[in-house]
C-alpha atoms as a PDB file:
ATOM      1  CA  MET A   1       0.282  -0.425  -0.085  1.00  0.00           C
ATOM      2  CA  ILE A   2       1.592   3.182  -1.051  1.00  0.00           C
ATOM      3  CA  LYS A   3       0.957   5.917   1.765  1.00  0.00           C
ATOM      4  CA  THR A   4      -0.237   9.722   0.103  1.00  0.00           C
ATOM      5  CA  TYR A   5       0.815  13.128   1.637  1.00  0.00           C
ATOM      6  CA  PHE A   6      -0.295  16.245   0.599  1.00  0.00           C
ATOM      7  CA  GLN A   7       2.074  19.243  -0.105  1.00  0.00           C
ATOM      8  CA  HIS A   8       0.472  21.904   1.787  1.00  0.00           C
ATOM      9  CA  ARG A   9       1.122  20.074   5.058  1.00  0.00           C
ATOM     10  CA  MET A  10       4.780  19.291   5.412  1.00  0.00           C
ATOM     11  CA  THR A  11       7.672  21.161   4.686  1.00  0.00           C
ATOM     12  CA  GLY A  12      10.476  20.910   2.727  1.00  0.00           C
ATOM     13  CA  ASP A  13      12.586  18.739   5.666  1.00  0.00           C
ATOM     14  CA  GLU A  14       9.864  17.026   6.128  1.00  0.00           C
ATOM     15  CA  PHE A  15       9.560  16.332   2.117  1.00  0.00           C
ATOM     16  CA  ALA A  16      13.559  15.350   2.193  1.00  0.00           C
ATOM     17  CA  SER A  17      12.932  12.832   5.614  1.00  0.00           C
ATOM     18  CA  LEU A  18      10.486  11.472   3.403  1.00  0.00           C
ATOM     19  CA  LEU A  19      12.387   9.955   0.483  1.00  0.00           C
ATOM     20  CA  THR A  20      15.321   9.580   2.498  1.00  0.00           C
ATOM     21  CA  SER A  21      12.933   6.882   4.190  1.00  0.00           C
ATOM     22  CA  ARG A  22      13.445   5.129   0.439  1.00  0.00           C
ATOM     23  CA  GLU A  23       9.548   3.923   0.920  1.00  0.00           C
ATOM     24  CA  SER A  24       6.922   4.622  -2.288  1.00  0.00           C
ATOM     25  CA  PHE A  25       4.462   7.471  -1.863  1.00  0.00           C
ATOM     26  CA  VAL A  26       2.248   9.538  -3.922  1.00  0.00           C
ATOM     27  CA  LEU A  27       2.472  13.824  -2.677  1.00  0.00           C
ATOM     28  CA  GLU A  28      -1.204  14.939  -3.033  1.00  0.00           C
ATOM     29  CA  SER A  29      -2.078  18.709  -3.511  1.00  0.00           C
ATOM     30  CA  VAL A  30       1.408  19.785  -5.370  1.00  0.00           C
ATOM     31  CA  GLY A  31       1.099  23.828  -6.068  1.00  0.00           C
ATOM     32  CA  ASP A  32       4.536  24.552  -7.561  1.00  0.00           C
ATOM     33  CA  MET A  33       5.353  20.667  -9.429  1.00  0.00           C
ATOM     34  CA  ALA A  34       8.464  22.414 -10.640  1.00  0.00           C
ATOM     35  CA  GLY A  35      10.158  23.125  -7.241  1.00  0.00           C
ATOM     36  CA  ALA A  36       8.916  20.180  -5.600  1.00  0.00           C
ATOM     37  CA  VAL A  37      10.332  17.618  -8.407  1.00  0.00           C
ATOM     38  CA  LYS A  38      13.851  20.011  -7.826  1.00  0.00           C
ATOM     39  CA  VAL A  39      14.470  19.249  -3.891  1.00  0.00           C
ATOM     40  CA  CYS A  40      13.415  15.158  -4.882  1.00  0.00           C
ATOM     41  CA  GLN A  41      16.184  15.531  -7.741  1.00  0.00           C
ATOM     42  CA  SER A  42      18.429  17.067  -5.444  1.00  0.00           C
ATOM     43  CA  THR A  43      17.648  14.731  -2.495  1.00  0.00           C
ATOM     44  CA  LEU A  44      17.609  11.738  -4.181  1.00  0.00           C
ATOM     45  CA  ILE A  45      21.223  12.519  -5.918  1.00  0.00           C
ATOM     46  CA  SER A  46      22.686  13.272  -2.453  1.00  0.00           C
ATOM     47  CA  LEU A  47      21.821  10.266  -1.220  1.00  0.00           C
ATOM     48  CA  GLY A  48      23.610   8.560  -4.339  1.00  0.00           C
ATOM     49  CA  LEU A  49      20.332   7.326  -5.832  1.00  0.00           C
ATOM     50  CA  SER A  50      20.082   8.051  -9.877  1.00  0.00           C
ATOM     51  CA  CYS A  51      16.342   8.790 -11.175  1.00  0.00           C
ATOM     52  CA  ARG A  52      14.278   9.403 -13.900  1.00  0.00           C
ATOM     53  CA  VAL A  53      11.624  11.939 -14.098  1.00  0.00           C
ATOM     54  CA  VAL A  54       8.054  11.028 -16.055  1.00  0.00           C
ATOM     55  CA  ASP A  55       5.557  13.675 -17.517  1.00  0.00           C
ATOM     56  CA  ARG A  56       2.518  12.408 -17.172  1.00  0.00           C
ATOM     57  CA  ARG A  57       0.194  15.624 -17.137  1.00  0.00           C
ATOM     58  CA  SER A  58      -1.528  16.568 -20.521  1.00  0.00           C
ATOM     59  CA  SER A  59       0.047  18.822 -22.735  1.00  0.00           C
ATOM     60  CA  PHE A  60      -1.304  20.804 -25.541  1.00  0.00           C
ATOM     61  CA  VAL A  61      -0.368  19.035 -27.452  1.00  0.00           C
ATOM     62  CA  ASP A  62      -1.991  15.549 -26.307  1.00  0.00           C
ATOM     63  CA  ASP A  63      -4.979  17.989 -26.926  1.00  0.00           C
ATOM     64  CA  ALA A  64      -4.434  18.885 -30.067  1.00  0.00           C
ATOM     65  CA  VAL A  65      -3.592  15.869 -31.754  1.00  0.00           C
ATOM     66  CA  ILE A  66      -6.982  15.418 -32.668  1.00  0.00           C
ATOM     67  CA  PHE A  67      -7.865  17.779 -35.081  1.00  0.00           C
ATOM     68  CA  LEU A  68      -4.364  17.188 -37.038  1.00  0.00           C
ATOM     69  CA  PRO A  69      -4.388  15.046 -40.367  1.00  0.00           C
ATOM     70  CA  LEU A  70      -3.959  11.736 -39.753  1.00  0.00           C
ATOM     71  CA  PRO A  71       0.213  11.724 -41.112  1.00  0.00           C
ATOM     72  CA  LEU A  72       0.642  14.765 -38.712  1.00  0.00           C
ATOM     73  CA  ARG A  73      -0.561  12.238 -35.901  1.00  0.00           C
ATOM     74  CA  PHE A  74       1.362   9.284 -36.789  1.00  0.00           C
ATOM     75  CA  LEU A  75       4.764  12.686 -36.635  1.00  0.00           C
ATOM     76  CA  VAL A  76       3.286  13.644 -33.015  1.00  0.00           C
ATOM     77  CA  ALA A  77       2.966   9.798 -31.804  1.00  0.00           C
ATOM     78  CA  ALA A  78       6.691   9.060 -33.695  1.00  0.00           C
ATOM     79  CA  TRP A  79       7.878  11.715 -31.726  1.00  0.00           C
ATOM     80  CA  LYS A  80       6.618  10.676 -28.425  1.00  0.00           C
ATOM     81  CA  ILE A  81       7.593   7.269 -28.747  1.00  0.00           C
ATOM     82  CA  ALA A  82      11.207   8.179 -29.350  1.00  0.00           C
ATOM     83  CA  LYS A  83      11.001  10.857 -26.936  1.00  0.00           C
ATOM     84  CA  ALA A  84      10.239   8.028 -24.374  1.00  0.00           C
ATOM     85  CA  ILE A  85      13.426   5.964 -25.909  1.00  0.00           C
ATOM     86  CA  PHE A  86      15.802   8.829 -25.227  1.00  0.00           C
ATOM     87  CA  HIS A  87      14.667   8.948 -21.479  1.00  0.00           C
ATOM     88  CA  TRP A  88      14.896   5.716 -21.254  1.00  0.00           C
ATOM     89  CA  CYS A  89      18.036   4.983 -22.443  1.00  0.00           C
ATOM     90  CA  LEU A  90      19.557   7.915 -20.804  1.00  0.00           C
ATOM     91  CA  ILE A  91      18.714   6.632 -16.973  1.00  0.00           C
ATOM     92  CA  PRO A  92      17.733   2.441 -18.222  1.00  0.00           C
ATOM     93  CA  ASN A  93      17.573   0.993 -14.858  1.00  0.00           C
ATOM     94  CA  PRO A  94      16.815   4.246 -11.822  1.00  0.00           C
ATOM     95  CA  ALA A  95      16.917   3.468  -8.667  1.00  0.00           C
ATOM     96  CA  VAL A  96      14.034   6.007  -8.134  1.00  0.00           C
ATOM     97  CA  LEU A  97      10.730   6.655 -10.374  1.00  0.00           C
ATOM     98  CA  VAL A  98       9.447  10.219 -10.059  1.00  0.00           C
ATOM     99  CA  VAL A  99       5.269  10.178 -11.949  1.00  0.00           C
ATOM    100  CA  MET A 100       4.751  13.751 -12.477  1.00  0.00           C
ATOM    101  CA  MET A 101       0.579  14.008 -12.636  1.00  0.00           C
ATOM    102  CA  PRO A 102      -1.690  16.686 -12.622  1.00  0.00           C
ATOM    103  CA  GLN A 103      -1.557  18.301  -9.099  1.00  0.00           C
ATOM    104  CA  ALA A 104       0.488  14.593  -7.759  1.00  0.00           C
ATOM    105  CA  LEU A 105       3.920  13.087  -7.643  1.00  0.00           C
ATOM    106  CA  HIS A 106       4.355   9.561  -7.244  1.00  0.00           C
ATOM    107  CA  ILE A 107       7.624   9.152  -5.741  1.00  0.00           C
ATOM    108  CA  LYS A 108       7.873   5.416  -6.524  1.00  0.00           C
ATOM    109  CA  PHE A 109      11.600   3.303  -4.933  1.00  0.00           C
ATOM    110  CA  ARG A 110      12.752   0.091  -6.614  1.00  0.00           C
ATOM    111  CA  LYS A 111      12.277  -3.396  -4.436  1.00  0.00           C
ATOM    112  CA  GLY A 112      15.494  -4.224  -3.631  1.00  0.00           C
ATOM    113  CA  GLY A 113      17.380  -0.792  -4.575  1.00  0.00           C
END
């Protein structure tokens, strides 16, 4: 079971201590996503852990692609696949996966690592 915490109820030090416990959790009601990810990355690097950040938030391209002609849809799909493969190749087996969702941050630690 993954525990859920709320950003507005904790300080930066409490967030950092959650990361040092090395247990997966969800951080809800994230107002400053970029700031939270930056704190997360710096804390994980200081712990000697590799991490990959995945953005699962919807973008304008995701919403507007249905209005594009079919050949352009294939180009957008190919771009997204190539981008995902590139990010996977940068850090193929990270110790921590940081997933940005709308208003939430999922921190997933690899089992046994």
